[in-house]
Amino acid sequence: MSLRTVAYVEDNPSNVEVFRQVLGLRPGLTLVTAGDGISGLALVRAHRPDLVVIDIDLPGMDGLELCRRLRADPQTAHIPKVALSANAMPRDVEQAHEAGFEAYLTKPMDVPALIALLDRLLPGPASPTGSPA
């Protein structure tokens, strides 16, 4: 089974732990995390994950700016980016899409929606047998 890496940039440790548990439902996924936008930028550049999930309200550099910088960098532009934020107003979603996010999920985390998004953005066998869970 080939491991795929998901980067999660989130400053709330409780949210990181919930996300870690959800990711555990999909074998073959490895999680790397950063607690602020600047560290998140360095993390993504260093690890080149298969998917980046970004909180919008981050210290140092917000998630919108982080997404813009990742899209502007040829080394990270191709990586799918998902916003995961408590901001749920239509303008928040619009701004996220303008910044370059492929998807926008809101907190509290909708686990079935997150799993479906992971399956869509990280296609391929989800288990050693090749049968999706």
C-alpha atoms as a PDB file:
ATOM      1  CA  MET A   1       0.000   0.000   0.000  1.00  0.00           C
ATOM      2  CA  SER A   2       1.405   3.374  -0.927  1.00  0.00           C
ATOM      3  CA  LEU A   3       1.224   5.969   1.811  1.00  0.00           C
ATOM      4  CA  ARG A   4      -0.278   9.316   1.000  1.00  0.00           C
ATOM      5  CA  THR A   5       0.383  12.376   3.113  1.00  0.00           C
ATOM      6  CA  VAL A   6      -2.164  14.923   4.288  1.00  0.00           C
ATOM      7  CA  ALA A   7      -0.979  18.206   5.805  1.00  0.00           C
ATOM      8  CA  TYR A   8      -3.301  19.939   8.268  1.00  0.00           C
ATOM      9  CA  VAL A   9      -2.573  23.545   9.236  1.00  0.00           C
ATOM     10  CA  GLU A  10      -4.591  24.277  12.381  1.00  0.00           C
ATOM     11  CA  ASP A  11      -3.802  26.189  15.572  1.00  0.00           C
ATOM     12  CA  ASN A  12      -6.308  24.378  17.828  1.00  0.00           C
ATOM     13  CA  PRO A  13      -4.854  21.109  19.216  1.00  0.00           C
ATOM     14  CA  SER A  14      -8.353  19.671  19.831  1.00  0.00           C
ATOM     15  CA  ASN A  15      -9.261  20.135  16.162  1.00  0.00           C
ATOM     16  CA  VAL A  16      -5.987  18.497  15.123  1.00  0.00           C
ATOM     17  CA  GLU A  17      -6.767  15.485  17.315  1.00  0.00           C
ATOM     18  CA  VAL A  18     -10.293  15.108  15.883  1.00  0.00           C
ATOM     19  CA  PHE A  19      -8.859  15.345  12.369  1.00  0.00           C
ATOM     20  CA  ARG A  20      -6.207  12.744  13.242  1.00  0.00           C
ATOM     21  CA  GLN A  21      -8.953  10.361  14.402  1.00  0.00           C
ATOM     22  CA  VAL A  22     -10.970  10.899  11.222  1.00  0.00           C
ATOM     23  CA  LEU A  23      -7.896  10.301   9.073  1.00  0.00           C
ATOM     24  CA  GLY A  24      -7.390   7.061  10.981  1.00  0.00           C
ATOM     25  CA  LEU A  25     -10.559   5.776   9.293  1.00  0.00           C
ATOM     26  CA  ARG A  26      -8.648   5.709   6.005  1.00  0.00           C
ATOM     27  CA  PRO A  27      -5.648   3.354   5.974  1.00  0.00           C
ATOM     28  CA  GLY A  28      -2.590   4.489   4.088  1.00  0.00           C
ATOM     29  CA  LEU A  29      -2.858   8.161   5.028  1.00  0.00           C
ATOM     30  CA  THR A  30      -0.131   9.902   7.021  1.00  0.00           C
ATOM     31  CA  LEU A  31      -0.766  13.212   8.789  1.00  0.00           C
ATOM     32  CA  VAL A  32       1.695  16.080   9.202  1.00  0.00           C
ATOM     33  CA  THR A  33       0.614  19.231  11.029  1.00  0.00           C
ATOM     34  CA  ALA A  34       1.561  22.840  11.637  1.00  0.00           C
ATOM     35  CA  GLY A  35       0.046  25.296  14.104  1.00  0.00           C
ATOM     36  CA  ASP A  36       0.279  28.550  12.124  1.00  0.00           C
ATOM     37  CA  GLY A  37       0.387  29.790   8.549  1.00  0.00           C
ATOM     38  CA  ILE A  38       4.117  30.441   8.335  1.00  0.00           C
ATOM     39  CA  SER A  39       4.994  26.998   9.717  1.00  0.00           C
ATOM     40  CA  GLY A  40       2.331  25.529   7.437  1.00  0.00           C
ATOM     41  CA  LEU A  41       3.988  27.048   4.385  1.00  0.00           C
ATOM     42  CA  ALA A  42       7.341  25.538   5.394  1.00  0.00           C
ATOM     43  CA  LEU A  43       5.688  22.179   6.189  1.00  0.00           C
ATOM     44  CA  VAL A  44       4.007  21.910   2.796  1.00  0.00           C
ATOM     45  CA  ARG A  45       7.158  22.932   0.944  1.00  0.00           C
ATOM     46  CA  ALA A  46       9.205  20.355   2.888  1.00  0.00           C
ATOM     47  CA  HIS A  47       6.787  17.402   2.745  1.00  0.00           C
ATOM     48  CA  ARG A  48       4.963  18.030  -0.551  1.00  0.00           C
ATOM     49  CA  PRO A  49       1.803  16.303   0.724  1.00  0.00           C
ATOM     50  CA  ASP A  50      -0.913  14.844  -1.490  1.00  0.00           C
ATOM     51  CA  LEU A  51      -3.524  17.117   0.123  1.00  0.00           C
ATOM     52  CA  VAL A  52      -3.457  20.227   2.334  1.00  0.00           C
ATOM     53  CA  VAL A  53      -6.277  21.061   4.757  1.00  0.00           C
ATOM     54  CA  ILE A  54      -6.080  24.615   6.093  1.00  0.00           C
ATOM     55  CA  ASP A  55      -7.928  26.493   8.816  1.00  0.00           C
ATOM     56  CA  ILE A  56      -8.741  30.050   7.750  1.00  0.00           C
ATOM     57  CA  ASP A  57      -8.166  31.848  11.081  1.00  0.00           C
ATOM     58  CA  LEU A  58      -4.494  31.129  11.695  1.00  0.00           C
ATOM     59  CA  PRO A  59      -1.932  33.170  13.623  1.00  0.00           C
ATOM     60  CA  GLY A  60       0.848  34.833  11.656  1.00  0.00           C
ATOM     61  CA  MET A  61      -0.606  34.276   8.184  1.00  0.00           C
ATOM     62  CA  ASP A  62      -4.252  33.451   7.618  1.00  0.00           C
ATOM     63  CA  GLY A  63      -5.377  30.453   5.612  1.00  0.00           C
ATOM     64  CA  LEU A  64      -6.387  32.530   2.589  1.00  0.00           C
ATOM     65  CA  GLU A  65      -2.884  33.969   2.261  1.00  0.00           C
ATOM     66  CA  LEU A  66      -1.343  30.547   2.853  1.00  0.00           C
ATOM     67  CA  CYS A  67      -3.449  29.118   0.034  1.00  0.00           C
ATOM     68  CA  ARG A  68      -2.467  31.982  -2.291  1.00  0.00           C
ATOM     69  CA  ARG A  69       1.232  31.437  -1.568  1.00  0.00           C
ATOM     70  CA  LEU A  70       0.972  27.686  -2.110  1.00  0.00           C
ATOM     71  CA  ARG A  71      -0.818  28.255  -5.425  1.00  0.00           C
ATOM     72  CA  ALA A  72       1.823  30.774  -6.529  1.00  0.00           C
ATOM     73  CA  ASP A  73       4.689  28.329  -5.866  1.00  0.00           C
ATOM     74  CA  PRO A  74       5.273  25.931  -8.794  1.00  0.00           C
ATOM     75  CA  GLN A  75       6.408  23.250  -6.326  1.00  0.00           C
ATOM     76  CA  THR A  76       3.084  23.284  -4.432  1.00  0.00           C
ATOM     77  CA  ALA A  77       0.551  24.764  -6.874  1.00  0.00           C
ATOM     78  CA  HIS A  78      -0.754  21.340  -7.970  1.00  0.00           C
ATOM     79  CA  ILE A  79      -1.531  20.104  -4.435  1.00  0.00           C
ATOM     80  CA  PRO A  80      -5.288  20.148  -3.681  1.00  0.00           C
ATOM     81  CA  LYS A  81      -6.164  22.594  -0.922  1.00  0.00           C
ATOM     82  CA  VAL A  82      -9.223  22.320   1.332  1.00  0.00           C
ATOM     83  CA  ALA A  83     -10.418  25.004   3.741  1.00  0.00           C
ATOM     84  CA  LEU A  84     -11.781  23.753   7.067  1.00  0.00           C
ATOM     85  CA  SER A  85     -13.146  26.692   9.024  1.00  0.00           C
ATOM     86  CA  ALA A  86     -15.779  27.800  11.501  1.00  0.00           C
ATOM     87  CA  ASN A  87     -16.522  30.728   9.155  1.00  0.00           C
ATOM     88  CA  ALA A  88     -19.648  29.655   7.306  1.00  0.00           C
ATOM     89  CA  MET A  89     -21.008  32.812   5.685  1.00  0.00           C
ATOM     90  CA  PRO A  90     -21.380  32.757   1.874  1.00  0.00           C
ATOM     91  CA  ARG A  91     -18.759  35.516   1.502  1.00  0.00           C
ATOM     92  CA  ASP A  92     -16.250  33.431   3.512  1.00  0.00           C
ATOM     93  CA  VAL A  93     -16.737  30.508   1.134  1.00  0.00           C
ATOM     94  CA  GLU A  94     -16.483  32.814  -1.892  1.00  0.00           C
ATOM     95  CA  GLN A  95     -13.218  34.344  -0.638  1.00  0.00           C
ATOM     96  CA  ALA A  96     -11.783  30.875  -0.056  1.00  0.00           C
ATOM     97  CA  HIS A  97     -12.595  29.778  -3.595  1.00  0.00           C
ATOM     98  CA  GLU A  98     -11.104  33.031  -4.939  1.00  0.00           C
ATOM     99  CA  ALA A  99      -7.902  32.266  -2.985  1.00  0.00           C
ATOM    100  CA  GLY A 100      -7.711  28.876  -4.698  1.00  0.00           C
ATOM    101  CA  PHE A 101      -9.256  26.322  -2.368  1.00  0.00           C
ATOM    102  CA  GLU A 102     -10.768  23.330  -4.184  1.00  0.00           C
ATOM    103  CA  ALA A 103     -13.276  22.727  -1.381  1.00  0.00           C
ATOM    104  CA  TYR A 104     -14.614  24.396   1.756  1.00  0.00           C
ATOM    105  CA  LEU A 105     -15.781  22.486   4.809  1.00  0.00           C
ATOM    106  CA  THR A 106     -17.116  24.023   7.993  1.00  0.00           C
ATOM    107  CA  LYS A 107     -16.577  23.234  11.661  1.00  0.00           C
ATOM    108  CA  PRO A 108     -17.756  21.429  13.596  1.00  0.00           C
ATOM    109  CA  MET A 109     -16.359  18.777  11.299  1.00  0.00           C
ATOM    110  CA  ASP A 110     -18.886  16.874   9.223  1.00  0.00           C
ATOM    111  CA  VAL A 111     -17.091  13.504   9.304  1.00  0.00           C
ATOM    112  CA  PRO A 112     -18.985  11.835   6.412  1.00  0.00           C
ATOM    113  CA  ALA A 113     -18.415  14.923   4.224  1.00  0.00           C
ATOM    114  CA  LEU A 114     -14.720  14.975   5.116  1.00  0.00           C
ATOM    115  CA  ILE A 115     -14.336  11.242   4.373  1.00  0.00           C
ATOM    116  CA  ALA A 116     -16.129  11.675   1.031  1.00  0.00           C
ATOM    117  CA  LEU A 117     -13.838  14.595   0.175  1.00  0.00           C
ATOM    118  CA  LEU A 118     -10.719  12.614   1.113  1.00  0.00           C
ATOM    119  CA  ASP A 119     -11.916   9.760  -1.101  1.00  0.00           C
ATOM    120  CA  ARG A 120     -12.531  12.172  -3.978  1.00  0.00           C
ATOM    121  CA  LEU A 121      -9.279  14.147  -3.701  1.00  0.00           C
ATOM    122  CA  LEU A 122      -7.100  11.137  -2.860  1.00  0.00           C
ATOM    123  CA  PRO A 123      -8.396   8.522  -5.284  1.00  0.00           C
ATOM    124  CA  GLY A 124      -7.040   5.031  -5.307  1.00  0.00           C
ATOM    125  CA  PRO A 125      -7.127   1.985  -3.089  1.00  0.00           C
ATOM    126  CA  ALA A 126      -8.024   2.808   0.488  1.00  0.00           C
ATOM    127  CA  SER A 127      -6.858  -0.554   1.791  1.00  0.00           C
ATOM    128  CA  PRO A 128      -4.288  -3.231   0.940  1.00  0.00           C
ATOM    129  CA  THR A 129      -7.009  -5.282  -0.764  1.00  0.00           C
ATOM    130  CA  GLY A 130      -7.890  -2.386  -3.018  1.00  0.00           C
ATOM    131  CA  SER A 131     -11.487  -2.238  -1.878  1.00  0.00           C
ATOM    132  CA  PRO A 132     -12.608   1.185  -0.671  1.00  0.00           C
ATOM    133  CA  ALA A 133     -14.053   1.213   2.817  1.00  0.00           C
END
